[in-house]
Amino acid sequence: MQLKIDNEQLAEAFFTDTHLIGIVAPVKNYQFVWHVNQSMGYQFRINNSMEIGLVKKNRQYFFSIYEYNVPGLFLSHYLYHNHFDGEYLLPEFRHLDFLWMIKGEDVSENDITVLLQAIRKLPYVQLVNEMSNEKIKNKQHLIF
């Protein structure tokens, strides 16, 4: 008997209770995170154990993930850097520099709207939009 991992089911379970925001901000990831932390009061830190490694064209690519857990809530924020050395974590969204995922407790639409407005005010940010999980072809690339 052969066991097979159902990536669709895995992705569906992972994306339960998540919101995803796409961000265009052509700046180094550490600079963007610094502005988020300074301007918005978050405490994002890089989580090297979550880093996503992909092999494409016989080369390895590493996509960093920054994490912030909201104190007292079952709610986490993750910032993915969408590109590394000419490759993309989500190739279907090449124009995006960062992906911001909110995962955990239910977040209201008003909370999302307030977050989108705050991100838009950050230096270097050119575009911010909420993304639906259904439009992402390579969901498994976001699973850590």
Protein backbone atom coordinates (compact mmCIF):
# COMPACT_ATOMS: atom_id res chain seq x y z
CA MET A 1 0.00 0.00 0.00
CA GLN A 2 1.31 3.41 -0.96
CA LEU A 3 0.48 6.51 1.06
CA LYS A 4 -0.03 9.74 -0.82
CA ILE A 5 -0.10 13.29 0.59
CA ASP A 6 -3.15 15.21 -0.55
CA ASN A 7 -1.71 18.69 -1.18
CA GLU A 8 -5.15 20.17 -1.90
CA GLN A 9 -6.50 19.00 1.46
CA LEU A 10 -3.34 20.13 3.22
CA ALA A 11 -3.59 23.59 1.65
CA GLU A 12 -7.29 23.87 2.47
CA ALA A 13 -6.63 23.06 6.14
CA PHE A 14 -3.70 25.49 6.30
CA PHE A 15 -5.71 28.36 4.77
CA THR A 16 -8.68 27.97 7.12
CA ASP A 17 -9.02 31.21 9.12
CA THR A 18 -6.48 33.15 7.06
CA HIS A 19 -6.45 36.48 5.26
CA LEU A 20 -3.84 37.30 2.66
CA ILE A 21 -2.66 40.74 1.57
CA GLY A 22 -0.41 41.43 -1.41
CA ILE A 23 2.03 44.35 -1.18
CA VAL A 24 4.15 46.12 -3.78
CA ALA A 25 7.06 47.81 -2.00
CA PRO A 26 10.36 47.69 -3.93
CA VAL A 27 12.63 47.76 -0.87
CA LYS A 28 14.76 45.22 1.01
CA ASN A 29 12.74 42.91 3.25
CA TYR A 30 14.47 44.03 6.47
CA GLN A 31 13.76 47.69 5.60
CA PHE A 32 10.08 46.98 4.98
CA VAL A 33 9.77 45.03 8.23
CA TRP A 34 11.53 47.81 10.12
CA HIS A 35 8.99 50.36 8.80
CA VAL A 36 6.08 48.06 9.70
CA ASN A 37 7.42 47.60 13.24
CA GLN A 38 8.20 51.31 13.75
CA SER A 39 5.07 52.80 12.19
CA MET A 40 2.45 50.20 13.05
CA GLY A 41 3.64 48.92 16.44
CA TYR A 42 4.18 45.32 15.39
CA GLN A 43 7.16 43.26 16.51
CA PHE A 44 7.88 41.14 13.45
CA ARG A 45 10.98 38.97 13.73
CA ILE A 46 12.53 36.72 11.12
CA ASN A 47 11.79 33.05 11.77
CA ASN A 48 14.57 31.07 10.10
CA SER A 49 12.93 27.75 10.96
CA MET A 50 9.95 28.73 8.75
CA GLU A 51 12.05 29.80 5.78
CA ILE A 52 10.70 28.25 2.57
CA GLY A 53 13.18 26.55 0.29
CA LEU A 54 12.31 25.78 -3.32
CA VAL A 55 14.38 24.04 -5.96
CA LYS A 56 13.99 25.42 -9.48
CA LYS A 57 16.29 24.88 -12.44
CA ASN A 58 18.66 22.82 -10.25
CA ARG A 59 19.15 25.76 -7.88
CA GLN A 60 17.91 26.37 -4.37
CA TYR A 61 15.97 29.49 -3.45
CA PHE A 62 15.15 30.62 0.07
CA PHE A 63 12.19 32.84 0.93
CA SER A 64 12.26 34.46 4.35
CA ILE A 65 9.25 34.65 6.64
CA TYR A 66 8.83 37.19 9.42
CA GLU A 67 6.45 36.33 12.24
CA TYR A 68 4.49 38.29 14.84
CA ASN A 69 2.21 36.60 17.38
CA VAL A 70 -0.41 38.91 18.92
CA PRO A 71 -0.07 38.70 22.74
CA GLY A 72 -3.09 37.14 24.45
CA LEU A 73 -4.76 36.05 21.21
CA PHE A 74 -4.61 33.00 19.01
CA LEU A 75 -3.61 35.25 16.10
CA SER A 76 -0.39 35.42 14.11
CA HIS A 77 0.87 37.65 11.32
CA TYR A 78 3.38 36.43 8.75
CA LEU A 79 5.29 38.45 6.17
CA TYR A 80 6.65 36.48 3.23
CA HIS A 81 9.24 37.96 0.88
CA ASN A 82 7.94 36.97 -2.57
CA HIS A 83 11.25 36.96 -4.42
CA PHE A 84 14.76 35.69 -4.00
CA ASP A 85 17.58 35.95 -6.53
CA GLY A 86 15.31 36.29 -9.55
CA GLU A 87 12.77 33.63 -8.55
CA TYR A 88 9.32 34.04 -7.01
CA LEU A 89 7.56 32.25 -4.21
CA LEU A 90 4.28 32.84 -6.07
CA PRO A 91 5.23 33.17 -9.76
CA GLU A 92 1.64 34.07 -10.66
CA PHE A 93 2.06 37.25 -8.58
CA ARG A 94 5.50 38.42 -9.77
CA HIS A 95 4.55 42.05 -9.25
CA LEU A 96 4.13 41.54 -5.49
CA ASP A 97 7.13 42.07 -3.24
CA PHE A 98 5.53 40.88 0.00
CA LEU A 99 2.64 38.73 1.16
CA TRP A 100 1.10 39.43 4.55
CA MET A 101 -0.85 36.53 6.02
CA ILE A 102 -3.07 36.79 9.07
CA LYS A 103 -3.86 33.41 10.59
CA GLY A 104 -5.85 32.42 13.65
CA GLU A 105 -8.82 33.94 15.42
CA ASP A 106 -11.54 35.47 13.33
CA VAL A 107 -10.56 38.89 12.04
CA SER A 108 -13.32 41.32 11.07
CA GLU A 109 -13.52 43.00 7.67
CA ASN A 110 -13.14 46.31 9.49
CA ASP A 111 -9.84 45.12 11.03
CA ILE A 112 -8.62 44.18 7.54
CA THR A 113 -9.66 47.58 6.15
CA VAL A 114 -7.81 49.40 8.94
CA LEU A 115 -4.71 47.23 8.34
CA LEU A 116 -4.79 47.88 4.57
CA GLN A 117 -5.00 51.64 5.19
CA ALA A 118 -2.08 51.53 7.64
CA ILE A 119 0.10 49.55 5.21
CA ARG A 120 -0.69 52.02 2.39
CA LYS A 121 0.77 54.84 4.51
CA LEU A 122 4.15 53.11 4.90
CA PRO A 123 7.17 54.44 2.96
CA TYR A 124 7.90 52.66 -0.33
CA VAL A 125 4.47 51.02 -0.51
CA GLN A 126 2.99 51.43 -3.99
CA LEU A 127 0.09 48.97 -3.90
CA VAL A 128 -1.82 46.97 -1.28
CA ASN A 129 -4.72 44.64 -1.89
CA GLU A 130 -6.51 41.79 -0.18
CA MET A 131 -6.13 38.52 -2.05
CA SER A 132 -8.45 35.55 -2.18
CA ASN A 133 -6.87 32.16 -1.56
CA GLU A 134 -8.69 30.74 -4.58
CA LYS A 135 -6.63 32.85 -7.01
CA ILE A 136 -3.32 31.44 -5.76
CA LYS A 137 -2.07 28.61 -7.98
CA ASN A 138 0.95 27.70 -5.83
CA LYS A 139 -0.69 27.67 -2.38
CA GLN A 140 1.61 24.88 -1.22
CA HIS A 141 4.55 27.35 -1.46
CA LEU A 142 3.07 29.34 1.44
CA ILE A 143 2.71 26.38 3.78
CA PHE A 144 5.41 26.22 6.43
